[in-house]
N, C-alpha and C. Protein backbone atom coordinates (compact mmCIF):
# COMPACT_ATOMS: atom_id res chain seq x y z
N MET A 1 -97.02 -44.48 -77.16
CA MET A 1 -96.04 -45.56 -77.29
C MET A 1 -94.75 -45.23 -76.58
N ILE A 2 -94.11 -46.21 -75.95
CA ILE A 2 -92.86 -46.02 -75.25
C ILE A 2 -91.79 -46.83 -75.98
N GLN A 3 -90.64 -46.22 -76.21
CA GLN A 3 -89.55 -46.89 -76.88
C GLN A 3 -88.30 -46.87 -76.04
N ASP A 4 -87.68 -48.04 -75.85
CA ASP A 4 -86.41 -48.14 -75.16
C ASP A 4 -85.33 -47.79 -76.17
N VAL A 5 -84.63 -46.70 -75.94
CA VAL A 5 -83.66 -46.23 -76.92
C VAL A 5 -82.25 -46.40 -76.45
N ASN A 6 -81.32 -46.54 -77.38
CA ASN A 6 -79.91 -46.58 -77.05
C ASN A 6 -79.42 -45.15 -76.80
N PRO A 7 -78.98 -44.83 -75.57
CA PRO A 7 -78.56 -43.47 -75.26
C PRO A 7 -77.50 -42.95 -76.19
N ASN A 8 -76.61 -43.87 -76.66
CA ASN A 8 -75.52 -43.45 -77.55
C ASN A 8 -76.03 -42.96 -78.92
N GLU A 9 -77.27 -43.27 -79.21
CA GLU A 9 -77.85 -42.84 -80.50
C GLU A 9 -78.72 -41.60 -80.33
N THR A 10 -78.62 -40.97 -79.16
CA THR A 10 -79.38 -39.75 -78.89
C THR A 10 -78.46 -38.61 -78.52
N SER A 11 -79.00 -37.44 -78.42
CA SER A 11 -78.23 -36.26 -78.00
C SER A 11 -77.90 -36.31 -76.53
N ARG A 12 -78.44 -37.28 -75.77
CA ARG A 12 -78.19 -37.39 -74.32
C ARG A 12 -77.14 -38.41 -73.96
N ALA A 13 -76.35 -38.83 -74.91
CA ALA A 13 -75.36 -39.90 -74.65
C ALA A 13 -74.38 -39.51 -73.53
N TYR A 14 -73.77 -38.32 -73.62
CA TYR A 14 -72.81 -37.90 -72.60
C TYR A 14 -73.49 -37.75 -71.26
N ALA A 15 -74.68 -37.09 -71.23
CA ALA A 15 -75.38 -36.87 -70.00
C ALA A 15 -75.80 -38.20 -69.36
N PHE A 16 -76.17 -39.17 -70.16
CA PHE A 16 -76.55 -40.49 -69.64
C PHE A 16 -75.36 -41.14 -68.92
N GLU A 17 -74.22 -41.09 -69.57
CA GLU A 17 -73.01 -41.67 -69.00
C GLU A 17 -72.62 -40.98 -67.70
N MET A 18 -72.77 -39.66 -67.63
CA MET A 18 -72.33 -38.88 -66.52
C MET A 18 -73.30 -38.94 -65.33
N TRP A 19 -74.60 -39.00 -65.59
CA TRP A 19 -75.58 -38.73 -64.51
C TRP A 19 -76.51 -39.90 -64.18
N ILE A 20 -76.54 -40.95 -64.97
CA ILE A 20 -77.56 -41.97 -64.75
C ILE A 20 -77.35 -42.67 -63.40
N LYS A 21 -76.11 -42.78 -62.96
CA LYS A 21 -75.83 -43.42 -61.68
C LYS A 21 -75.41 -42.45 -60.59
N ALA A 22 -75.61 -41.17 -60.82
CA ALA A 22 -75.25 -40.16 -59.82
C ALA A 22 -76.17 -40.28 -58.62
N PRO A 23 -75.65 -40.17 -57.38
CA PRO A 23 -76.48 -40.25 -56.21
C PRO A 23 -77.52 -39.13 -56.09
N MET A 24 -77.25 -37.99 -56.68
CA MET A 24 -78.21 -36.88 -56.67
C MET A 24 -78.17 -36.19 -58.05
N PRO A 25 -78.90 -36.72 -59.02
CA PRO A 25 -78.81 -36.21 -60.40
C PRO A 25 -79.80 -35.07 -60.71
N MET A 26 -80.56 -34.62 -59.71
CA MET A 26 -81.58 -33.65 -59.97
C MET A 26 -81.03 -32.21 -59.87
N VAL A 27 -81.56 -31.35 -60.72
CA VAL A 27 -81.17 -29.92 -60.75
C VAL A 27 -82.47 -29.11 -60.57
N THR A 28 -82.40 -28.00 -59.82
CA THR A 28 -83.56 -27.15 -59.64
C THR A 28 -83.28 -25.73 -60.02
N LEU A 29 -84.14 -25.16 -60.86
CA LEU A 29 -84.08 -23.75 -61.24
C LEU A 29 -85.29 -23.03 -60.69
N PHE A 30 -85.10 -21.79 -60.37
CA PHE A 30 -86.20 -20.94 -59.88
C PHE A 30 -86.45 -19.80 -60.89
N ARG A 31 -87.73 -19.45 -61.05
CA ARG A 31 -88.07 -18.38 -61.97
C ARG A 31 -89.36 -17.67 -61.46
N THR A 32 -89.37 -16.35 -61.55
CA THR A 32 -90.57 -15.60 -61.23
C THR A 32 -91.26 -15.24 -62.53
N LEU A 33 -92.48 -15.68 -62.69
CA LEU A 33 -93.24 -15.49 -63.91
C LEU A 33 -94.26 -14.37 -63.75
N ASP A 34 -94.56 -13.67 -64.83
CA ASP A 34 -95.66 -12.71 -64.86
C ASP A 34 -96.91 -13.47 -65.32
N VAL A 35 -97.84 -13.68 -64.39
CA VAL A 35 -99.05 -14.46 -64.70
C VAL A 35 -100.28 -13.57 -64.74
N THR A 36 -100.06 -12.27 -64.99
CA THR A 36 -101.16 -11.34 -65.03
C THR A 36 -102.27 -11.79 -65.99
N ARG A 37 -101.86 -12.24 -67.16
CA ARG A 37 -102.82 -12.62 -68.20
C ARG A 37 -103.62 -13.82 -67.76
N LEU A 38 -102.97 -14.82 -67.15
CA LEU A 38 -103.68 -16.01 -66.71
C LEU A 38 -104.71 -15.68 -65.62
N LYS A 39 -104.33 -14.80 -64.74
CA LYS A 39 -105.27 -14.40 -63.68
C LYS A 39 -106.50 -13.72 -64.27
N ARG A 40 -106.30 -12.83 -65.25
CA ARG A 40 -107.43 -12.15 -65.88
C ARG A 40 -108.32 -13.12 -66.64
N LEU A 41 -107.69 -14.02 -67.41
CA LEU A 41 -108.48 -15.01 -68.18
C LEU A 41 -109.25 -15.91 -67.23
N SER A 42 -108.63 -16.29 -66.15
CA SER A 42 -109.28 -17.18 -65.19
C SER A 42 -110.56 -16.54 -64.65
N ARG A 43 -110.47 -15.27 -64.27
CA ARG A 43 -111.62 -14.57 -63.72
C ARG A 43 -112.68 -14.25 -64.78
N LYS A 44 -112.21 -13.84 -65.97
CA LYS A 44 -113.14 -13.41 -67.02
C LYS A 44 -113.94 -14.56 -67.56
N HIS A 45 -113.29 -15.73 -67.73
CA HIS A 45 -113.95 -16.87 -68.40
C HIS A 45 -114.32 -18.03 -67.46
N GLY A 46 -114.05 -17.83 -66.14
CA GLY A 46 -114.37 -18.88 -65.20
C GLY A 46 -113.54 -20.12 -65.33
N LEU A 47 -112.30 -19.97 -65.76
CA LEU A 47 -111.39 -21.10 -65.90
C LEU A 47 -110.49 -21.18 -64.65
N LYS A 48 -110.14 -22.38 -64.28
CA LYS A 48 -109.29 -22.56 -63.10
C LYS A 48 -107.88 -22.12 -63.42
N PHE A 49 -107.29 -21.29 -62.55
CA PHE A 49 -105.94 -20.81 -62.72
C PHE A 49 -104.95 -21.97 -62.85
N ASN A 50 -105.13 -22.99 -61.98
CA ASN A 50 -104.17 -24.11 -62.00
C ASN A 50 -104.26 -24.86 -63.33
N MET A 51 -105.48 -24.99 -63.87
CA MET A 51 -105.62 -25.67 -65.17
C MET A 51 -104.88 -24.89 -66.26
N LEU A 52 -105.01 -23.56 -66.26
CA LEU A 52 -104.32 -22.74 -67.25
C LEU A 52 -102.81 -22.87 -67.11
N MET A 53 -102.32 -22.92 -65.86
CA MET A 53 -100.88 -23.12 -65.66
C MET A 53 -100.41 -24.48 -66.22
N CYS A 54 -101.17 -25.52 -65.93
CA CYS A 54 -100.81 -26.85 -66.41
C CYS A 54 -100.80 -26.90 -67.95
N TRP A 55 -101.80 -26.25 -68.57
CA TRP A 55 -101.86 -26.23 -70.01
C TRP A 55 -100.66 -25.49 -70.61
N CYS A 56 -100.31 -24.38 -70.04
CA CYS A 56 -99.16 -23.62 -70.53
C CYS A 56 -97.87 -24.41 -70.33
N ILE A 57 -97.74 -25.15 -69.24
CA ILE A 57 -96.60 -26.01 -69.01
C ILE A 57 -96.51 -27.06 -70.08
N GLY A 58 -97.63 -27.70 -70.42
CA GLY A 58 -97.63 -28.68 -71.52
C GLY A 58 -97.27 -28.06 -72.86
N ARG A 59 -97.80 -26.86 -73.11
CA ARG A 59 -97.51 -26.19 -74.37
C ARG A 59 -95.99 -25.91 -74.49
N ALA A 60 -95.37 -25.40 -73.43
CA ALA A 60 -93.96 -25.09 -73.46
C ALA A 60 -93.11 -26.37 -73.59
N ALA A 61 -93.46 -27.39 -72.80
CA ALA A 61 -92.70 -28.64 -72.80
C ALA A 61 -92.77 -29.35 -74.15
N SER A 62 -93.93 -29.27 -74.83
CA SER A 62 -94.11 -30.01 -76.06
C SER A 62 -93.22 -29.47 -77.17
N GLN A 63 -92.61 -28.30 -76.97
CA GLN A 63 -91.73 -27.70 -77.96
C GLN A 63 -90.27 -28.06 -77.80
N ILE A 64 -89.98 -28.85 -76.75
CA ILE A 64 -88.60 -29.24 -76.46
C ILE A 64 -88.49 -30.73 -76.48
N LYS A 65 -87.68 -31.27 -77.37
CA LYS A 65 -87.63 -32.72 -77.61
C LYS A 65 -87.16 -33.50 -76.40
N GLU A 66 -86.32 -32.86 -75.54
CA GLU A 66 -85.82 -33.57 -74.37
C GLU A 66 -86.94 -33.99 -73.40
N PHE A 67 -88.05 -33.29 -73.44
CA PHE A 67 -89.15 -33.64 -72.56
C PHE A 67 -89.77 -34.99 -72.95
N TYR A 68 -89.54 -35.48 -74.14
CA TYR A 68 -90.11 -36.73 -74.56
C TYR A 68 -89.23 -37.93 -74.22
N MET A 69 -88.07 -37.68 -73.57
CA MET A 69 -87.21 -38.75 -73.11
C MET A 69 -87.12 -38.72 -71.59
N LEU A 70 -86.95 -39.87 -70.96
CA LEU A 70 -86.88 -39.90 -69.50
C LEU A 70 -86.03 -41.13 -69.07
N PRO A 71 -85.08 -40.89 -68.16
CA PRO A 71 -84.34 -42.03 -67.60
C PRO A 71 -85.21 -42.80 -66.60
N VAL A 72 -85.32 -44.08 -66.84
CA VAL A 72 -86.11 -44.93 -65.95
C VAL A 72 -85.25 -46.15 -65.59
N GLY A 73 -84.87 -46.25 -64.34
CA GLY A 73 -83.94 -47.30 -63.95
C GLY A 73 -82.60 -47.03 -64.62
N ASP A 74 -82.10 -48.04 -65.35
CA ASP A 74 -80.82 -47.87 -66.06
C ASP A 74 -81.08 -47.71 -67.57
N LYS A 75 -82.33 -47.33 -67.93
CA LYS A 75 -82.68 -47.19 -69.35
C LYS A 75 -83.02 -45.76 -69.70
N LEU A 76 -83.01 -45.45 -70.96
CA LEU A 76 -83.52 -44.18 -71.45
C LEU A 76 -84.71 -44.44 -72.34
N LEU A 77 -85.87 -43.95 -71.95
CA LEU A 77 -87.10 -44.21 -72.67
C LEU A 77 -87.54 -42.98 -73.47
N ARG A 78 -88.12 -43.22 -74.65
CA ARG A 78 -88.67 -42.14 -75.44
C ARG A 78 -90.18 -42.32 -75.55
N TYR A 79 -90.88 -41.25 -75.32
CA TYR A 79 -92.38 -41.28 -75.37
C TYR A 79 -92.87 -40.48 -76.56
N ASP A 80 -94.06 -40.85 -77.01
CA ASP A 80 -94.71 -40.12 -78.11
C ASP A 80 -95.52 -38.95 -77.61
N THR A 81 -95.95 -39.03 -76.36
CA THR A 81 -96.85 -38.01 -75.82
C THR A 81 -96.40 -37.61 -74.44
N ILE A 82 -96.94 -36.45 -73.99
CA ILE A 82 -96.68 -35.99 -72.64
C ILE A 82 -98.01 -35.78 -71.89
N ALA A 83 -97.92 -35.77 -70.59
CA ALA A 83 -99.07 -35.49 -69.75
C ALA A 83 -98.62 -34.57 -68.62
N VAL A 84 -99.56 -33.93 -68.01
CA VAL A 84 -99.26 -33.02 -66.88
C VAL A 84 -99.96 -33.52 -65.63
N ASN A 85 -99.27 -33.66 -64.56
CA ASN A 85 -99.84 -34.18 -63.32
C ASN A 85 -100.23 -33.00 -62.43
N THR A 86 -101.31 -33.18 -61.70
CA THR A 86 -101.70 -32.18 -60.67
C THR A 86 -102.11 -32.93 -59.40
N ILE A 87 -101.89 -32.30 -58.28
CA ILE A 87 -102.30 -32.88 -56.97
C ILE A 87 -103.69 -32.44 -56.60
N VAL A 88 -104.56 -33.35 -56.24
CA VAL A 88 -105.96 -33.09 -56.00
C VAL A 88 -106.29 -33.35 -54.55
N LEU A 89 -107.01 -32.41 -53.93
CA LEU A 89 -107.56 -32.62 -52.58
C LEU A 89 -108.84 -33.48 -52.70
N ASN A 90 -108.77 -34.70 -52.16
CA ASN A 90 -109.93 -35.59 -52.31
C ASN A 90 -110.93 -35.37 -51.20
N HIS A 91 -112.08 -36.07 -51.31
CA HIS A 91 -113.17 -35.82 -50.37
C HIS A 91 -112.92 -36.34 -48.95
N GLU A 92 -111.82 -37.07 -48.78
CA GLU A 92 -111.42 -37.51 -47.45
C GLU A 92 -110.47 -36.51 -46.81
N GLY A 93 -110.18 -35.40 -47.52
CA GLY A 93 -109.27 -34.42 -46.96
C GLY A 93 -107.81 -34.72 -47.15
N GLU A 94 -107.51 -35.78 -47.92
CA GLU A 94 -106.13 -36.14 -48.24
C GLU A 94 -105.86 -35.72 -49.68
N VAL A 95 -104.62 -35.98 -50.16
CA VAL A 95 -104.27 -35.65 -51.53
C VAL A 95 -104.14 -36.86 -52.39
N SER A 96 -104.55 -36.73 -53.64
CA SER A 96 -104.40 -37.78 -54.63
C SER A 96 -103.72 -37.19 -55.86
N SER A 97 -103.21 -38.09 -56.69
CA SER A 97 -102.45 -37.65 -57.91
C SER A 97 -103.30 -37.88 -59.15
N CYS A 98 -103.24 -36.92 -60.07
CA CYS A 98 -104.05 -36.99 -61.30
C CYS A 98 -103.23 -36.58 -62.49
N ASP A 99 -103.03 -37.50 -63.43
CA ASP A 99 -102.34 -37.24 -64.70
C ASP A 99 -103.36 -36.83 -65.74
N ILE A 100 -103.08 -35.74 -66.43
CA ILE A 100 -103.99 -35.24 -67.47
C ILE A 100 -103.27 -35.26 -68.80
N PRO A 101 -103.82 -35.94 -69.82
CA PRO A 101 -103.14 -35.98 -71.10
C PRO A 101 -103.06 -34.59 -71.72
N PHE A 102 -101.92 -34.21 -72.23
CA PHE A 102 -101.80 -32.88 -72.80
C PHE A 102 -102.41 -32.82 -74.18
N SER A 103 -103.17 -31.77 -74.43
CA SER A 103 -103.70 -31.43 -75.72
C SER A 103 -103.42 -30.00 -76.04
N ASN A 104 -103.01 -29.71 -77.28
CA ASN A 104 -102.77 -28.33 -77.71
C ASN A 104 -104.05 -27.49 -77.65
N ASP A 105 -105.19 -28.19 -77.71
CA ASP A 105 -106.47 -27.50 -77.70
C ASP A 105 -106.89 -27.24 -76.27
N LEU A 106 -107.02 -25.98 -75.90
CA LEU A 106 -107.35 -25.61 -74.52
C LEU A 106 -108.67 -26.15 -74.06
N GLU A 107 -109.65 -26.12 -74.92
CA GLU A 107 -110.98 -26.64 -74.54
C GLU A 107 -110.94 -28.13 -74.19
N THR A 108 -110.20 -28.89 -75.04
CA THR A 108 -110.07 -30.34 -74.77
C THR A 108 -109.34 -30.56 -73.46
N PHE A 109 -108.25 -29.84 -73.25
CA PHE A 109 -107.46 -30.03 -72.02
C PHE A 109 -108.33 -29.64 -70.80
N ASN A 110 -109.06 -28.55 -70.88
CA ASN A 110 -109.89 -28.14 -69.78
C ASN A 110 -110.97 -29.17 -69.45
N THR A 111 -111.59 -29.72 -70.49
CA THR A 111 -112.58 -30.77 -70.29
C THR A 111 -111.99 -32.01 -69.57
N ASP A 112 -110.82 -32.43 -70.04
CA ASP A 112 -110.15 -33.56 -69.39
C ASP A 112 -109.76 -33.23 -67.95
N TYR A 113 -109.26 -32.03 -67.77
CA TYR A 113 -108.81 -31.59 -66.43
C TYR A 113 -109.98 -31.63 -65.45
N LEU A 114 -111.10 -31.03 -65.81
CA LEU A 114 -112.26 -31.00 -64.94
C LEU A 114 -112.82 -32.39 -64.64
N HIS A 115 -112.90 -33.19 -65.70
CA HIS A 115 -113.43 -34.55 -65.52
C HIS A 115 -112.55 -35.41 -64.66
N LEU A 116 -111.26 -35.43 -64.96
CA LEU A 116 -110.33 -36.33 -64.24
C LEU A 116 -110.09 -35.90 -62.83
N THR A 117 -109.92 -34.59 -62.57
CA THR A 117 -109.70 -34.15 -61.20
C THR A 117 -110.94 -34.36 -60.34
N SER A 118 -112.13 -34.20 -60.92
CA SER A 118 -113.37 -34.48 -60.18
C SER A 118 -113.47 -35.97 -59.85
N GLN A 119 -113.10 -36.79 -60.82
CA GLN A 119 -113.13 -38.24 -60.63
C GLN A 119 -112.19 -38.66 -59.52
N VAL A 120 -110.97 -38.15 -59.54
CA VAL A 120 -109.95 -38.48 -58.54
C VAL A 120 -110.41 -37.96 -57.15
N ALA A 121 -110.99 -36.79 -57.11
CA ALA A 121 -111.44 -36.24 -55.82
C ALA A 121 -112.54 -37.07 -55.20
N SER A 122 -113.44 -37.59 -56.02
CA SER A 122 -114.58 -38.32 -55.48
C SER A 122 -114.23 -39.78 -55.15
N THR A 123 -113.31 -40.38 -55.94
CA THR A 123 -112.95 -41.80 -55.72
C THR A 123 -111.77 -41.99 -54.76
N CYS A 124 -110.99 -40.92 -54.60
CA CYS A 124 -109.74 -40.98 -53.80
C CYS A 124 -108.74 -41.97 -54.40
N ARG A 125 -108.86 -42.17 -55.71
CA ARG A 125 -107.90 -43.04 -56.43
C ARG A 125 -107.11 -42.25 -57.42
N ASN A 126 -105.81 -42.47 -57.42
CA ASN A 126 -104.94 -41.77 -58.36
C ASN A 126 -105.31 -42.10 -59.79
N HIS A 127 -105.13 -41.15 -60.70
CA HIS A 127 -105.27 -41.42 -62.14
C HIS A 127 -103.91 -41.31 -62.77
N ASP A 128 -103.34 -42.48 -63.13
CA ASP A 128 -101.97 -42.53 -63.66
C ASP A 128 -102.01 -42.82 -65.16
N ILE A 129 -101.19 -42.10 -65.91
CA ILE A 129 -100.98 -42.38 -67.31
C ILE A 129 -99.57 -42.93 -67.49
N THR A 130 -99.45 -44.18 -67.86
CA THR A 130 -98.15 -44.86 -67.85
C THR A 130 -97.45 -44.81 -69.20
N ASP A 131 -98.20 -44.44 -70.26
CA ASP A 131 -97.57 -44.45 -71.58
C ASP A 131 -97.25 -43.04 -72.09
N SER A 132 -97.23 -42.05 -71.20
CA SER A 132 -96.80 -40.69 -71.55
C SER A 132 -95.74 -40.25 -70.59
N MET A 133 -94.89 -39.34 -71.04
CA MET A 133 -93.90 -38.72 -70.15
C MET A 133 -94.65 -37.66 -69.33
N VAL A 134 -94.69 -37.86 -68.02
CA VAL A 134 -95.51 -37.03 -67.14
C VAL A 134 -94.70 -35.96 -66.47
N ILE A 135 -95.18 -34.70 -66.56
CA ILE A 135 -94.59 -33.57 -65.86
C ILE A 135 -95.35 -33.35 -64.57
N GLY A 136 -94.69 -33.44 -63.46
CA GLY A 136 -95.36 -33.29 -62.15
C GLY A 136 -95.52 -31.83 -61.79
N THR A 137 -96.60 -31.52 -61.12
CA THR A 137 -96.79 -30.16 -60.57
C THR A 137 -97.41 -30.27 -59.17
N SER A 138 -97.12 -29.24 -58.36
CA SER A 138 -97.74 -29.18 -57.04
C SER A 138 -97.99 -27.71 -56.77
N ALA A 139 -99.27 -27.33 -56.60
CA ALA A 139 -99.61 -25.95 -56.36
C ALA A 139 -100.02 -25.76 -54.91
N LEU A 140 -99.20 -25.03 -54.17
CA LEU A 140 -99.51 -24.69 -52.75
C LEU A 140 -100.13 -23.29 -52.74
N ALA A 141 -101.25 -23.19 -53.42
CA ALA A 141 -101.84 -21.90 -53.75
C ALA A 141 -102.28 -21.11 -52.51
N GLN A 142 -102.47 -21.75 -51.38
CA GLN A 142 -102.92 -21.06 -50.15
C GLN A 142 -101.76 -20.41 -49.40
N TYR A 143 -100.53 -20.68 -49.83
CA TYR A 143 -99.40 -20.26 -49.04
C TYR A 143 -98.39 -19.46 -49.86
N GLU A 144 -97.78 -18.49 -49.19
CA GLU A 144 -96.72 -17.74 -49.86
C GLU A 144 -95.37 -18.43 -49.57
N ILE A 145 -94.73 -18.89 -50.64
CA ILE A 145 -93.44 -19.52 -50.49
C ILE A 145 -92.48 -18.85 -51.51
N ASP A 146 -91.20 -18.86 -51.16
CA ASP A 146 -90.20 -18.25 -52.04
C ASP A 146 -89.59 -19.31 -52.97
N GLY A 147 -89.84 -20.56 -52.70
CA GLY A 147 -89.28 -21.62 -53.55
C GLY A 147 -89.37 -22.95 -52.84
N ALA A 148 -89.14 -24.00 -53.59
CA ALA A 148 -89.17 -25.34 -53.05
C ALA A 148 -88.28 -26.25 -53.89
N VAL A 149 -87.55 -27.16 -53.24
CA VAL A 149 -86.73 -28.13 -53.92
C VAL A 149 -87.39 -29.47 -53.69
N GLY A 150 -87.70 -30.15 -54.74
CA GLY A 150 -88.41 -31.44 -54.65
C GLY A 150 -87.52 -32.55 -54.10
N MET A 151 -88.13 -33.59 -53.57
CA MET A 151 -87.39 -34.73 -53.04
C MET A 151 -86.99 -35.67 -54.19
N TYR A 152 -85.81 -36.19 -54.13
CA TYR A 152 -85.39 -37.18 -55.11
C TYR A 152 -85.51 -38.54 -54.47
N SER A 153 -86.44 -39.35 -54.94
CA SER A 153 -86.70 -40.66 -54.34
C SER A 153 -85.82 -41.76 -54.92
N GLY A 154 -85.23 -41.48 -56.10
CA GLY A 154 -84.51 -42.54 -56.78
C GLY A 154 -85.36 -43.44 -57.59
N ILE A 155 -86.69 -43.20 -57.54
CA ILE A 155 -87.66 -43.99 -58.29
C ILE A 155 -88.27 -43.19 -59.42
N PHE A 156 -88.76 -41.98 -59.06
CA PHE A 156 -89.37 -41.11 -60.05
C PHE A 156 -88.40 -40.02 -60.51
N ASN A 157 -88.10 -40.02 -61.79
CA ASN A 157 -87.17 -39.05 -62.34
C ASN A 157 -87.83 -37.96 -63.13
N ASN A 158 -89.15 -37.91 -63.08
CA ASN A 158 -89.94 -36.98 -63.90
C ASN A 158 -89.64 -35.55 -63.49
N PRO A 159 -89.67 -34.63 -64.49
CA PRO A 159 -89.57 -33.21 -64.19
C PRO A 159 -90.76 -32.77 -63.32
N PHE A 160 -90.50 -31.77 -62.49
CA PHE A 160 -91.53 -31.41 -61.47
C PHE A 160 -91.48 -29.90 -61.23
N LEU A 161 -92.65 -29.28 -61.18
CA LEU A 161 -92.76 -27.84 -60.89
C LEU A 161 -93.60 -27.63 -59.62
N ILE A 162 -93.17 -26.69 -58.82
CA ILE A 162 -93.88 -26.35 -57.55
C ILE A 162 -94.09 -24.83 -57.53
N TRP A 163 -95.25 -24.38 -57.11
CA TRP A 163 -95.46 -22.97 -56.89
C TRP A 163 -96.45 -22.77 -55.73
N GLY A 164 -96.43 -21.54 -55.18
CA GLY A 164 -97.31 -21.21 -54.09
C GLY A 164 -98.34 -20.16 -54.55
N ARG A 165 -98.66 -19.22 -53.66
CA ARG A 165 -99.64 -18.19 -53.96
C ARG A 165 -99.02 -17.11 -54.84
N TYR A 166 -99.77 -16.61 -55.82
CA TYR A 166 -99.22 -15.54 -56.63
C TYR A 166 -99.27 -14.25 -55.84
N ARG A 167 -98.43 -13.28 -56.25
CA ARG A 167 -98.30 -12.01 -55.54
C ARG A 167 -98.69 -10.87 -56.47
N LYS A 168 -99.36 -9.89 -55.95
CA LYS A 168 -99.79 -8.70 -56.69
C LYS A 168 -98.70 -7.63 -56.51
N ARG A 169 -98.22 -7.10 -57.65
CA ARG A 169 -97.21 -6.03 -57.64
C ARG A 169 -97.71 -4.93 -58.60
N LEU A 170 -98.23 -3.85 -58.05
CA LEU A 170 -98.79 -2.78 -58.85
C LEU A 170 -99.81 -3.33 -59.84
N PHE A 171 -99.51 -3.25 -61.11
CA PHE A 171 -100.47 -3.73 -62.12
C PHE A 171 -100.16 -5.14 -62.64
N ARG A 172 -99.24 -5.83 -61.96
CA ARG A 172 -98.84 -7.16 -62.39
C ARG A 172 -99.12 -8.19 -61.30
N THR A 173 -99.25 -9.44 -61.75
CA THR A 173 -99.38 -10.56 -60.82
C THR A 173 -98.22 -11.49 -61.10
N LEU A 174 -97.44 -11.78 -60.05
CA LEU A 174 -96.19 -12.55 -60.21
C LEU A 174 -96.34 -13.88 -59.48
N LEU A 175 -95.68 -14.90 -60.03
CA LEU A 175 -95.69 -16.23 -59.43
C LEU A 175 -94.29 -16.83 -59.51
N THR A 176 -93.76 -17.17 -58.38
CA THR A 176 -92.43 -17.82 -58.33
C THR A 176 -92.59 -19.33 -58.39
N ILE A 177 -91.88 -19.96 -59.31
CA ILE A 177 -91.98 -21.40 -59.43
C ILE A 177 -90.57 -22.02 -59.30
N SER A 178 -90.54 -23.29 -58.93
CA SER A 178 -89.31 -24.05 -58.97
C SER A 178 -89.50 -25.15 -60.03
N PHE A 179 -88.45 -25.47 -60.73
CA PHE A 179 -88.50 -26.52 -61.75
C PHE A 179 -87.33 -27.48 -61.50
N GLN A 180 -87.70 -28.68 -61.14
CA GLN A 180 -86.68 -29.76 -60.88
C GLN A 180 -86.67 -30.74 -62.05
N PHE A 181 -85.48 -31.11 -62.47
CA PHE A 181 -85.35 -32.06 -63.60
C PHE A 181 -84.14 -32.94 -63.41
N HIS A 182 -84.15 -34.11 -64.04
CA HIS A 182 -83.03 -35.04 -64.00
C HIS A 182 -82.01 -34.63 -65.04
N HIS A 183 -80.73 -34.53 -64.62
CA HIS A 183 -79.73 -34.03 -65.52
C HIS A 183 -79.51 -34.94 -66.73
N THR A 184 -79.87 -36.23 -66.62
CA THR A 184 -79.77 -37.10 -67.77
C THR A 184 -80.79 -36.71 -68.85
N GLN A 185 -81.95 -36.26 -68.43
CA GLN A 185 -83.01 -35.90 -69.38
C GLN A 185 -82.69 -34.61 -70.12
N MET A 186 -82.18 -33.62 -69.41
CA MET A 186 -81.91 -32.33 -70.05
C MET A 186 -80.82 -31.60 -69.30
N ASP A 187 -80.26 -30.60 -69.96
CA ASP A 187 -79.27 -29.74 -69.35
C ASP A 187 -79.91 -28.45 -68.88
N GLY A 188 -79.13 -27.65 -68.20
CA GLY A 188 -79.63 -26.37 -67.68
C GLY A 188 -80.16 -25.47 -68.77
N ALA A 189 -79.52 -25.48 -69.93
CA ALA A 189 -79.93 -24.65 -71.05
C ALA A 189 -81.33 -25.05 -71.54
N HIS A 190 -81.58 -26.36 -71.60
CA HIS A 190 -82.90 -26.84 -72.01
C HIS A 190 -83.95 -26.40 -71.01
N ALA A 191 -83.62 -26.51 -69.72
CA ALA A 191 -84.55 -26.15 -68.66
C ALA A 191 -84.85 -24.64 -68.68
N ALA A 192 -83.81 -23.83 -68.86
CA ALA A 192 -83.99 -22.39 -68.94
C ALA A 192 -84.82 -22.00 -70.15
N ARG A 193 -84.59 -22.70 -71.28
CA ARG A 193 -85.39 -22.43 -72.47
C ARG A 193 -86.87 -22.78 -72.21
N PHE A 194 -87.09 -23.89 -71.53
CA PHE A 194 -88.45 -24.27 -71.17
C PHE A 194 -89.13 -23.18 -70.36
N LEU A 195 -88.43 -22.61 -69.40
CA LEU A 195 -89.02 -21.56 -68.55
C LEU A 195 -89.26 -20.30 -69.38
N ASP A 196 -88.40 -20.01 -70.35
CA ASP A 196 -88.65 -18.88 -71.24
C ASP A 196 -89.92 -19.13 -72.06
N LEU A 197 -90.03 -20.34 -72.61
CA LEU A 197 -91.22 -20.68 -73.39
C LEU A 197 -92.48 -20.67 -72.54
N LEU A 198 -92.35 -21.07 -71.28
CA LEU A 198 -93.49 -21.07 -70.40
C LEU A 198 -94.02 -19.62 -70.22
N GLN A 199 -93.07 -18.72 -69.99
CA GLN A 199 -93.50 -17.31 -69.87
C GLN A 199 -94.15 -16.81 -71.14
N LYS A 200 -93.62 -17.17 -72.29
CA LYS A 200 -94.22 -16.76 -73.56
C LYS A 200 -95.61 -17.31 -73.74
N GLU A 201 -95.80 -18.60 -73.39
CA GLU A 201 -97.12 -19.21 -73.51
C GLU A 201 -98.14 -18.55 -72.58
N ILE A 202 -97.69 -18.23 -71.38
CA ILE A 202 -98.55 -17.55 -70.43
C ILE A 202 -98.97 -16.19 -70.96
N SER A 203 -98.03 -15.47 -71.58
CA SER A 203 -98.28 -14.11 -72.04
C SER A 203 -99.17 -14.06 -73.25
N LYS A 204 -99.26 -15.18 -74.02
CA LYS A 204 -100.03 -15.11 -75.26
C LYS A 204 -101.27 -15.95 -75.23
N VAL A 205 -101.50 -16.71 -74.15
CA VAL A 205 -102.65 -17.64 -74.12
C VAL A 205 -103.95 -16.87 -74.36
């Protein structure tokens, strides 16, 4: 369910006033994560690394109430659920977009991830979930990058994470990510807390 809320009745009242009409309201934070555990689980159990990353992102985001609100146009919307988006290489060699509903249950999320990404790859049609707050991701897993700043189109205000190839450092595997968010939706402290929670979820999955 989506609810059009009065910003003045939320904790984002000041941020809404300050940033909703800003020409560039997006903020980007960078963080290097220890993904050693995800890499081991991926290999041991035959799970896709990208799926595990998306699930941990959903787990961390679901613990922060700001993720359930999103500025859309000149409104502030509140959602009951969240989803995680991933970019899929389709059978025509192009990319398509796939929204996966978040579930706290890893098996359920994995089943949905495999089914929906396969469907999108074969049909070359995006799978969009319009009644959830969607967290965008883009994994450039074939390339080593130090960071990326997403484009602000003025249309999509959704939070977005980008990462490249993970790096091996002695007995650890590290992954640098960028996290872009709309300042109306959350402040830097919320974003930093999300990244802390993401690391915790990765370490305990």
